[in-house]
Protein backbone atom coordinates (compact mmCIF):
# COMPACT_ATOMS: atom_id res chain seq x y z
CA MET A 1 0.00 0.00 0.00
CA GLU A 2 3.01 2.33 0.08
CA SER A 3 2.38 3.35 -3.53
CA ALA A 4 -1.17 4.55 -2.70
CA GLY A 5 0.12 8.04 -1.88
CA LEU A 6 1.56 8.35 -5.40
CA TRP A 7 -1.83 7.48 -6.83
CA MET A 8 -3.28 10.19 -4.60
CA LEU A 9 -0.93 12.76 -6.17
CA LEU A 10 -1.85 11.57 -9.65
CA ALA A 11 -5.57 11.73 -8.82
CA VAL A 12 -5.19 15.33 -7.58
CA ALA A 13 -3.33 16.39 -10.75
CA VAL A 14 -5.84 14.75 -13.10
CA THR A 15 -8.87 16.07 -11.23
CA LEU A 16 -7.51 19.62 -11.13
CA LEU A 17 -6.80 19.63 -14.87
CA ALA A 18 -10.05 17.90 -15.84
CA THR A 19 -12.55 19.74 -13.63
CA GLY A 20 -11.09 23.14 -12.74
CA LEU A 21 -12.40 22.75 -9.18
CA PRO A 22 -10.69 24.67 -6.35
CA ALA A 23 -7.56 22.94 -5.11
CA PHE A 24 -8.82 22.66 -1.52
CA ALA A 25 -11.97 20.81 -2.69
CA VAL A 26 -9.93 18.40 -4.81
CA LEU A 27 -7.39 17.72 -2.05
CA MET A 28 -10.11 17.11 0.53
CA GLY A 29 -12.15 14.90 -1.81
CA VAL A 30 -9.18 12.76 -2.87
CA SER A 31 -8.04 12.44 0.76
CA ALA A 32 -11.48 11.34 1.92
CA ALA A 33 -11.85 8.82 -0.92
CA PHE A 34 -8.44 7.21 -0.40
CA ALA A 35 -8.79 7.22 3.41
CA THR A 36 -12.14 5.44 3.14
CA ALA A 37 -10.73 2.90 0.71
CA GLY A 38 -7.68 2.40 2.92
CA VAL A 39 -9.76 1.71 6.05
CA LEU A 40 -12.10 -0.67 4.18
CA THR A 41 -9.23 -2.66 2.65
CA GLY A 42 -7.17 -2.71 5.84
CA GLY A 43 -4.37 -0.59 4.41
CA ILE A 44 -4.95 2.15 7.03
CA GLU A 45 -5.73 1.78 10.71
CA TYR A 46 -8.67 4.04 11.57
CA PRO A 47 -7.21 5.30 14.90
CA LEU A 48 -4.39 6.96 12.96
CA LEU A 49 -6.92 9.21 11.21
CA THR A 50 -8.27 10.47 14.55
CA ALA A 51 -5.06 12.50 14.89
CA LEU A 52 -6.34 14.91 12.20
CA PRO A 53 -8.24 17.38 14.46
CA GLY A 54 -5.29 17.83 16.83
CA ARG A 55 -2.91 18.13 13.88
CA ILE A 56 -4.99 20.90 12.29
CA ILE A 57 -5.45 22.81 15.55
CA GLY A 58 -1.75 22.59 16.33
CA LEU A 59 -0.78 23.98 12.92
CA LEU A 60 -3.38 26.76 13.02
CA GLU A 61 -2.02 27.95 16.37
CA THR A 62 1.18 29.14 14.64
CA ASP A 63 1.58 32.86 15.26
CA LEU A 64 3.07 33.32 11.81
CA LEU A 65 -0.29 32.60 10.18
CA GLN A 66 -1.54 35.93 11.53
CA ALA A 67 0.41 37.52 8.68
CA LEU A 68 -1.63 35.66 6.06
CA PRO A 69 -4.84 37.75 6.15
CA LEU A 70 -2.78 40.93 6.60
CA TYR A 71 -0.81 40.29 3.42
CA VAL A 72 -4.00 39.42 1.56
CA PHE A 73 -5.47 42.71 2.85
CA MET A 74 -2.44 44.61 1.49
CA GLY A 75 -2.82 42.89 -1.87
CA ALA A 76 -6.50 43.81 -2.06
CA LEU A 77 -5.71 47.45 -1.21
CA LEU A 78 -2.94 47.64 -3.81
CA ASN A 79 -5.32 46.23 -6.41
CA ARG A 80 -7.92 48.93 -5.69
CA LEU A 81 -5.79 51.99 -4.95
CA PRO A 82 -4.03 54.13 -7.61
CA LEU A 83 -0.63 53.79 -5.90
CA ALA A 84 0.83 51.51 -8.57
CA ASP A 85 -0.34 53.88 -11.31
CA ARG A 86 1.41 56.87 -9.69
CA LEU A 87 4.65 55.01 -9.05
CA PHE A 88 4.74 53.77 -12.63
CA ARG A 89 4.15 57.18 -14.17
CA CYS A 90 6.86 58.75 -12.03
CA GLY A 91 9.24 55.92 -12.89
CA VAL A 92 8.68 56.40 -16.62
CA ALA A 93 9.08 60.16 -16.25
CA LEU A 94 12.53 59.65 -14.69
CA GLY A 95 13.76 57.99 -17.88
CA ARG A 96 11.43 59.59 -20.40
CA HIS A 97 14.20 59.99 -23.00
CA SER A 98 14.92 56.24 -23.05
CA GLY A 99 12.90 53.65 -24.91
CA GLY A 100 13.50 51.19 -22.08
CA ALA A 101 11.97 53.41 -19.39
CA PRO A 102 8.50 51.71 -19.39
CA ALA A 103 10.07 48.25 -19.04
CA LEU A 104 12.42 49.39 -16.28
CA ALA A 105 9.54 51.11 -14.46
CA THR A 106 7.39 47.96 -14.70
CA LEU A 107 10.12 45.76 -13.24
CA GLY A 108 10.89 48.32 -10.52
CA LEU A 109 7.20 48.47 -9.61
CA GLY A 110 7.07 44.69 -9.39
CA ALA A 111 10.12 44.65 -7.10
CA LEU A 112 8.47 47.23 -4.82
CA LEU A 113 4.89 46.01 -4.65
CA ALA A 114 4.87 42.30 -5.59
CA PRO A 115 6.37 41.22 -2.21
CA MET A 116 3.48 43.03 -0.49
CA ASN A 117 0.79 41.79 -2.85
CA GLY A 118 0.13 38.39 -1.32
CA SER A 119 0.30 36.22 -4.45
CA VAL A 120 1.37 36.08 -8.08
CA GLY A 121 -2.27 36.24 -9.16
CA ALA A 122 -2.86 39.45 -7.20
CA SER A 123 0.27 41.02 -8.70
CA VAL A 124 -0.83 40.07 -12.23
CA ALA A 125 -4.25 41.62 -11.60
CA MET A 126 -2.71 44.85 -10.30
CA LEU A 127 -0.15 45.22 -13.09
CA SER A 128 -2.51 44.27 -15.90
CA ARG A 129 -5.02 46.84 -14.66
CA SER A 130 -2.71 49.76 -13.87
CA VAL A 131 0.41 49.29 -16.03
CA ALA A 132 -0.54 47.29 -19.14
CA PRO A 133 -2.85 50.00 -20.63
CA LYS A 134 -0.05 52.58 -20.34
CA LEU A 135 2.40 50.23 -22.02
CA ALA A 136 -0.08 49.78 -24.87
CA ARG A 137 -0.56 53.55 -25.25
CA ARG A 138 3.20 53.93 -25.61
CA GLY A 139 3.15 51.48 -28.51
CA MET A 140 4.67 48.47 -26.79
CA PRO A 141 3.68 45.18 -28.52
CA ALA A 142 1.29 42.94 -26.62
CA ALA A 143 3.85 40.13 -26.30
CA GLU A 144 6.45 42.40 -24.69
CA SER A 145 3.99 43.99 -22.24
CA THR A 146 2.59 40.58 -21.25
CA ALA A 147 6.12 39.26 -20.68
CA LEU A 148 6.94 42.24 -18.46
CA VAL A 149 3.77 41.71 -16.42
CA CYS A 150 4.66 38.02 -16.00
CA VAL A 151 8.22 38.70 -14.83
CA ALA A 152 7.31 41.61 -12.55
CA SER A 153 4.48 39.66 -10.89
CA THR A 154 6.79 36.75 -9.98
CA LEU A 155 9.38 38.96 -8.25
CA GLY A 156 7.27 38.65 -5.09
CA VAL A 157 8.13 34.95 -4.95
CA VAL A 158 11.81 35.59 -4.16
CA ILE A 159 11.94 39.13 -2.70
CA PRO A 160 11.19 39.11 1.06
CA PRO A 161 8.94 39.41 2.93
CA SER A 162 6.49 37.91 0.45
CA LEU A 163 3.68 35.66 1.64
CA VAL A 164 5.18 32.72 -0.27
CA LEU A 165 8.46 33.18 1.60
CA ILE A 166 6.68 33.36 4.96
CA LEU A 167 4.69 30.18 4.39
CA LEU A 168 7.69 28.37 2.91
CA GLY A 169 9.78 29.35 5.93
CA ASP A 170 7.23 27.83 8.28
CA ALA A 171 6.95 24.66 6.19
CA MET A 172 10.73 24.30 5.90
CA MET A 173 11.14 24.68 9.66
CA ARG A 174 8.86 21.68 10.19
CA ALA A 175 10.53 19.69 7.41
CA HIS A 176 13.99 20.44 8.82
CA THR A 177 12.85 19.31 12.27
CA GLU A 178 11.62 15.99 10.82
CA ALA A 179 14.89 15.52 8.92
CA THR A 180 17.04 16.10 12.02
CA ASN A 181 14.91 13.60 13.94
CA VAL A 182 15.90 11.03 11.32
CA THR A 183 19.59 11.95 10.96
CA LYS A 184 20.10 12.55 14.73
CA GLU A 185 22.24 15.60 13.97
CA MET A 186 22.60 18.45 16.44
CA VAL A 187 21.99 21.53 14.24
CA ARG A 188 20.12 24.80 14.54
CA ILE A 189 16.71 24.46 12.90
CA VAL A 190 16.14 26.86 10.01
CA ASN A 191 13.61 29.67 10.54
CA THR A 192 11.76 32.17 8.37
CA GLN A 193 14.34 34.91 8.92
CA ASP A 194 17.09 32.60 7.62
CA ILE A 195 15.17 32.04 4.41
CA PHE A 196 14.46 35.77 4.04
CA ARG A 197 18.18 36.52 4.19
CA GLY A 198 19.09 33.53 2.05
CA ALA A 199 16.86 34.74 -0.78
CA LEU A 200 18.21 38.31 -0.77
CA VAL A 201 21.39 37.87 -2.84
CA PRO A 202 19.90 35.53 -5.52
CA ALA A 203 16.84 37.79 -5.78
CA ALA A 204 19.08 40.86 -6.17
CA ILE A 205 21.12 39.12 -8.89
CA PHE A 206 17.97 38.12 -10.79
CA LEU A 207 16.47 41.60 -10.53
CA ALA A 208 19.73 43.17 -11.72
CA LEU A 209 19.87 40.80 -14.70
CA CYS A 210 16.22 41.54 -15.59
CA LEU A 211 16.84 45.29 -15.44
CA LEU A 212 19.93 44.81 -17.61
CA VAL A 213 17.90 42.80 -20.15
CA ALA A 214 15.17 45.46 -20.23
CA TRP A 215 17.74 48.24 -20.70
CA TRP A 216 19.60 46.30 -23.40
CA LEU A 217 16.43 45.56 -25.38
CA GLY A 218 15.22 49.17 -25.12
CA ARG A 219 18.52 51.03 -25.48
CA LYS A 220 18.16 51.62 -29.24
CA THR A 221 14.40 51.87 -29.22
CA PRO A 222 13.16 55.46 -29.45
CA ALA A 223 10.77 56.59 -26.75
CA ARG A 224 7.27 55.68 -27.91
CA GLY A 225 4.19 57.70 -27.09
CA ALA A 226 3.86 60.99 -25.28
CA ALA A 227 5.74 61.22 -22.01
CA GLU A 228 3.52 62.02 -19.04
CA ARG A 229 4.66 64.71 -16.63
CA PRO A 230 3.37 63.99 -13.11
CA ALA A 231 2.46 66.94 -10.95
CA ALA A 232 4.67 67.94 -8.02
CA ILE A 233 2.27 66.44 -5.47
CA GLU A 234 2.41 63.10 -7.31
CA TRP A 235 6.21 63.10 -7.13
CA VAL A 236 5.98 63.69 -3.38
CA LYS A 237 3.45 60.89 -2.88
CA ALA A 238 5.46 58.50 -5.05
CA ALA A 239 8.69 59.27 -3.19
CA ILE A 240 7.07 58.79 0.21
CA ALA A 241 5.44 55.52 -0.87
CA ALA A 242 8.66 54.17 -2.37
CA LEU A 243 10.72 55.07 0.69
CA PHE A 244 8.15 53.50 3.02
CA VAL A 245 8.01 50.23 1.03
CA VAL A 246 11.80 49.98 0.73
CA GLY A 247 12.22 50.70 4.44
CA LEU A 248 9.59 48.11 5.33
CA LEU A 249 11.14 45.40 3.14
CA ALA A 250 14.64 46.22 4.36
CA GLY A 251 13.50 46.19 8.00
CA VAL A 252 12.00 42.71 7.65
CA ALA A 253 14.97 41.33 5.74
CA ALA A 254 17.38 42.77 8.33
CA GLY A 255 15.37 41.34 11.22
CA TYR A 256 14.18 44.63 12.71
CA PHE A 257 10.52 43.75 12.08
CA TYR A 258 8.75 40.42 12.24
CA ALA A 259 6.65 39.42 9.24
CA VAL A 260 3.40 39.94 11.14
CA GLU A 261 4.51 43.41 12.27
CA ALA A 262 5.52 44.36 8.72
CA ALA A 263 2.20 43.17 7.33
CA ALA A 264 0.28 45.14 9.96
CA MET A 265 2.31 48.31 9.30
CA GLY A 266 1.92 47.96 5.55
CA GLY A 267 -1.81 47.36 5.76
CA THR A 268 -2.32 50.31 8.12
CA ALA A 269 -0.22 52.63 5.93
CA LEU A 270 -2.12 51.65 2.78
CA LEU A 271 -5.44 52.05 4.57
CA LEU A 272 -4.53 55.57 5.76
CA PHE A 273 -3.25 56.44 2.28
CA GLY A 274 -6.52 55.29 0.74
CA TRP A 275 -8.64 57.30 3.17
CA ALA A 276 -6.45 60.41 2.85
CA THR A 277 -6.48 60.40 -0.95
CA GLY A 278 -10.14 59.42 -1.34
CA GLY A 279 -9.28 56.14 -3.01
CA LEU A 280 -11.54 54.10 -0.71
CA ARG A 281 -14.73 55.99 -1.38
CA ALA A 282 -17.86 54.78 -3.20
CA GLY A 283 -17.88 51.33 -1.64
CA VAL A 284 -14.27 50.50 -2.57
CA PHE A 285 -13.40 49.63 1.03
CA SER A 286 -16.25 47.10 1.23
CA HIS A 287 -14.90 45.44 -1.92
CA VAL A 288 -11.44 45.33 -0.33
CA LEU A 289 -12.81 43.60 2.76
CA ARG A 290 -14.84 41.18 0.66
CA ASP A 291 -11.80 40.26 -1.44
CA THR A 292 -9.69 39.84 1.70
CA MET A 293 -12.18 37.51 3.37
CA ALA A 294 -12.67 35.44 0.21
CA VAL A 295 -8.95 34.92 -0.48
CA THR A 296 -8.09 34.35 3.20
CA GLY A 297 -10.86 31.81 3.55
CA ALA A 298 -9.65 29.99 0.44
CA LEU A 299 -6.07 29.91 1.76
CA PHE A 300 -7.07 28.55 5.17
CA ALA A 301 -9.31 25.99 3.48
CA LEU A 302 -6.32 24.99 1.37
CA PHE A 303 -4.21 24.75 4.52
CA VAL A 304 -6.68 22.38 6.19
CA ALA A 305 -7.12 20.29 3.02
CA ALA A 306 -3.36 20.00 2.52
CA THR A 307 -2.89 18.92 6.15
CA THR A 308 -5.53 16.22 5.64
CA PHE A 309 -3.88 15.10 2.41
CA THR A 310 -0.40 14.81 3.90
CA LEU A 311 -1.72 12.85 6.91
CA VAL A 312 -3.40 10.27 4.67
CA PHE A 313 -0.29 10.21 2.44
CA ARG A 314 1.96 9.44 5.41
CA THR A 315 -0.53 6.94 6.85
CA PHE A 316 -0.13 4.83 3.70
CA GLY A 317 3.64 4.92 4.28
CA THR A 318 4.41 6.57 0.94
CA ASP A 319 6.82 8.97 2.65
CA ARG A 320 9.07 5.97 3.41
CA LEU A 321 8.93 4.97 -0.26
CA LEU A 322 9.97 8.48 -1.33
CA ASP A 323 12.77 8.48 1.22
CA ALA A 324 14.11 5.24 -0.25
CA TRP A 325 14.00 6.73 -3.75
CA VAL A 326 15.79 9.90 -2.65
CA LYS A 327 18.61 7.79 -1.17
CA LEU A 328 19.13 6.26 -4.62
CA VAL A 329 19.71 9.64 -6.28
CA PRO A 330 23.43 10.00 -7.09
CA GLY A 331 25.47 13.13 -6.52
CA GLY A 332 25.06 13.68 -2.78
CA ALA A 333 23.76 17.12 -1.81
CA THR A 334 23.95 18.43 -5.39
CA GLY A 335 21.89 15.51 -6.64
CA ALA A 336 19.30 16.20 -3.93
CA ALA A 337 19.24 19.88 -4.93
CA ILE A 338 18.62 19.01 -8.58
CA THR A 339 15.83 16.69 -7.44
CA VAL A 340 14.20 19.66 -5.69
CA LEU A 341 14.39 21.71 -8.88
CA VAL A 342 12.80 18.97 -10.96
CA VAL A 343 10.00 18.20 -8.48
CA PHE A 344 9.07 21.85 -7.96
CA ALA A 345 9.24 22.66 -11.66
CA LEU A 346 6.91 19.76 -12.53
CA SER A 347 4.53 20.59 -9.65
CA ALA A 348 4.23 24.21 -10.76
CA PHE A 349 2.63 23.12 -14.03
CA VAL A 350 -0.38 21.86 -12.05
CA LEU A 351 -0.29 23.68 -8.68
CA ASP A 352 0.25 27.29 -7.67
CA ALA A 353 2.82 28.45 -5.11
CA PHE A 354 0.57 28.06 -2.05
CA GLU A 355 -0.52 24.55 -3.00
CA ILE A 356 3.11 23.54 -3.54
CA VAL A 357 4.14 24.94 -0.14
CA PHE A 358 1.25 23.26 1.66
CA VAL A 359 1.33 19.90 -0.16
CA ILE A 360 4.68 19.20 -1.85
CA VAL A 361 7.06 20.67 0.76
CA PRO A 362 5.84 18.52 3.71
CA ILE A 363 6.00 15.39 1.52
CA VAL A 364 9.32 15.86 -0.30
CA MET A 365 11.52 18.13 1.82
CA PRO A 366 12.15 15.93 4.91
CA SER A 367 13.71 13.24 2.69
CA ILE A 368 15.69 15.81 0.68
CA LEU A 369 17.09 17.44 3.83
CA THR A 370 18.44 14.14 5.08
CA ARG A 371 20.73 14.18 2.01
CA ALA A 372 21.32 17.95 1.80
CA PRO A 373 21.29 19.39 5.36
CA ASP A 374 21.71 23.01 4.18
CA ALA A 375 18.03 23.95 4.53
CA VAL A 376 18.56 27.59 3.55
CA TRP A 377 20.23 26.63 0.27
CA ILE A 378 17.52 24.10 -0.57
CA SER A 379 14.79 26.65 0.26
CA VAL A 380 16.31 29.27 -2.05
CA LEU A 381 16.58 26.72 -4.85
CA ALA A 382 12.93 25.80 -4.34
CA LEU A 383 11.91 29.47 -4.62
CA LEU A 384 13.95 30.00 -7.78
CA ALA A 385 12.53 26.82 -9.32
CA LEU A 386 9.01 28.03 -8.53
CA GLN A 387 9.62 31.41 -10.09
CA ALA A 388 11.20 29.93 -13.22
CA SER A 389 8.37 27.45 -13.77
CA PHE A 390 5.77 30.23 -13.45
CA LEU A 391 7.38 31.93 -16.47
CA VAL A 392 7.53 28.93 -18.83
CA PRO A 393 4.86 29.12 -21.54
CA PRO A 394 2.27 27.93 -22.22
CA SER A 395 1.25 26.46 -18.84
CA GLY A 396 3.32 28.55 -16.43
CA TYR A 397 1.04 29.98 -13.74
CA ALA A 398 2.00 33.64 -14.32
CA VAL A 399 1.76 33.18 -18.09
CA MET A 400 -1.75 31.77 -17.93
CA MET A 401 -2.90 34.44 -15.46
CA ALA A 402 -1.42 37.29 -17.52
CA ARG A 403 -2.83 36.04 -20.82
CA SER A 404 -6.32 35.89 -19.33
CA ALA A 405 -6.07 39.24 -17.52
CA MET A 406 -4.53 41.37 -20.28
CA ALA A 407 -6.86 43.36 -22.52
CA GLN A 408 -4.42 42.86 -25.42
CA LYS A 409 -4.26 39.15 -26.15
CA THR A 410 -1.08 37.57 -27.47
CA ALA A 411 -0.17 34.23 -29.02
CA ILE A 412 2.16 31.81 -27.29
CA ARG A 413 5.01 31.98 -29.83
CA PRO A 414 5.67 35.75 -29.65
CA LEU A 415 5.18 35.65 -25.89
CA ALA A 416 7.75 32.85 -25.59
CA ARG A 417 10.23 34.93 -27.61
CA ALA A 418 9.63 37.95 -25.36
CA LEU A 419 10.06 35.85 -22.20
CA ALA A 420 13.18 34.01 -23.41
CA PRO A 421 15.78 36.58 -22.20
CA TYR A 422 14.22 36.72 -18.72
CA ILE A 423 13.98 32.93 -18.47
CA GLY A 424 17.63 32.81 -19.51
CA ALA A 425 18.49 35.21 -16.68
CA GLN A 426 16.57 32.96 -14.27
CA LEU A 427 18.48 29.89 -15.43
CA VAL A 428 21.77 31.72 -14.91
CA VAL A 429 20.81 32.50 -11.30
CA LEU A 430 19.70 28.90 -10.74
CA ALA A 431 22.99 27.56 -12.06
CA LEU A 432 24.94 29.98 -9.87
CA VAL A 433 23.08 29.00 -6.71
CA VAL A 434 23.35 25.26 -7.47
CA THR A 435 27.11 25.44 -8.02
CA LEU A 436 27.82 28.13 -5.39
CA PRO A 437 25.70 27.34 -2.29
CA TRP A 438 27.43 30.12 -0.32
CA LEU A 439 25.41 32.68 -2.31
CA ALA A 440 22.46 31.73 -0.08
CA HIS A 441 24.50 32.64 3.02
CA LEU A 442 26.07 35.95 2.02
CA ALA A 443 23.35 37.99 3.71
CA GLN A 444 23.36 35.93 6.90
CA PRO A 445 24.80 37.77 9.93
CA LYS A 446 28.11 36.60 11.30
CA GLY A 447 27.75 33.66 13.61
CA ALA A 448 24.28 32.77 12.30
CA ASP A 449 25.43 29.70 10.39
CA ALA A 450 24.84 26.42 12.14
CA PRO A 451 27.83 24.84 13.90
CA PRO A 452 29.31 21.63 12.47
CA THR A 453 26.79 18.83 12.67
CA GLU A 454 27.19 16.11 15.24
CA LYS A 455 25.24 12.88 15.31
CA VAL A 456 24.02 11.81 18.71
CA ASP A 457 21.87 8.94 19.91
CA ASP A 458 18.61 9.39 21.80
CA GLU A 459 20.17 8.80 25.21
CA THR A 460 22.91 11.40 24.66
CA ALA A 461 20.40 13.94 23.40
CA ARG A 462 18.18 13.32 26.45
CA LYS A 463 21.15 13.73 28.81
CA ARG A 464 22.20 17.03 27.19
CA PHE A 465 18.66 18.33 27.37
CA ASN A 466 18.43 17.47 31.06
CA ASP A 467 21.79 19.15 31.68
CA MET A 468 20.50 22.35 30.09
CA LEU A 469 17.48 22.28 32.40
CA LYS A 470 19.55 22.05 35.56
CA LEU A 471 19.43 25.22 37.62
CA PRO A 472 22.66 26.77 38.91
CA PRO A 473 23.34 26.27 42.66
CA PRO A 474 21.95 29.03 44.90
CA GLU A 475 24.36 31.77 45.93
CA GLU A 476 25.33 31.72 49.59
């Protein structure tokens, strides 16, 4: 019955592609069907399934999940407020004599706002509504503007403190704990802040390469369309907004703010901005709240469904089968890292980022981390693989979302040509991080790296733990 979990994964993929039902409904339905069949055939002991309520409650008590609705709230506000429009117009005005100014402004806007937007889908909706029409008015072909929207919307996957990074950090912490329980190694467990800092340098390299590509492609292109000249008050608002966002992102990445605090500050600042500028009038705020509740509810439903799915998956013993397969992969840690890239890239053709974090990470990562104990490095590779797969036409998640959201429709072939330089830049970063794992540790503070690993047995670990609990003798 160990292979039953693999059939569960296949059933989820086929059902999602064939029906278009929400992922949480498919995960819950497949889990219930296989659990029932397992109990009836004797492949699963029913008492094991009674652990589900406690498992869900324990996971939902994580303080980090408080950031989830706050980030969704920020994304809903950004989608309704004219902030992105003002930042884009000021960015284009700064380089109005260059044909590459619109592309550079689009990528810069994605780097600023995508990490606060909650998801790739929300970023695509914001950019296609506020930026794409201006790109079209300046004469940019539909394929180029769609490619820019795709790339800019995925920057939030790798630039902290995005919601994907927060949820991945929590999932990797649990996976790393499970892996150390198997390997018996005394190491510091990875946390969300480690992954934030690990993603900084690769994300900066990718952003720099994308900006270089946009400048190179537009350097000989004459400025198209009439250049807009924002008013003085718009320059002031854009400067204040940009400084606030950069300070917020830098504060989280540097460890001055927790993710929940940053999300609360960002949501409050956007809310005050909307009220002060009149952007939340005429029922806009009620739409923001409705969008926030709908998306948050869907994410928590996905969280519960994924927890149910992984419990049934492990109850069949398929995790042991995967662990045996991972041990057969040649190449040591590098082979395990390449396995991560392949699994995440294939998963992204069917699942979005949240579904991969909730479903694939708990299943695959514990086994991978027993072979490659550098959890920060593996996490960064997983993020880069996710981002790259979102950009691969025709079924990349960002590509499909952008093609459906853009007013100007484009065929796959010209879109693939427009995306090719950016995908090439992504592959360069992936190759660098695979071959140079220290890139994921450049932004870590001194002394933050884990000490050399040491394997200990259960009795030694228990003795050391008891020694740490001993109180010092009272002073006379």
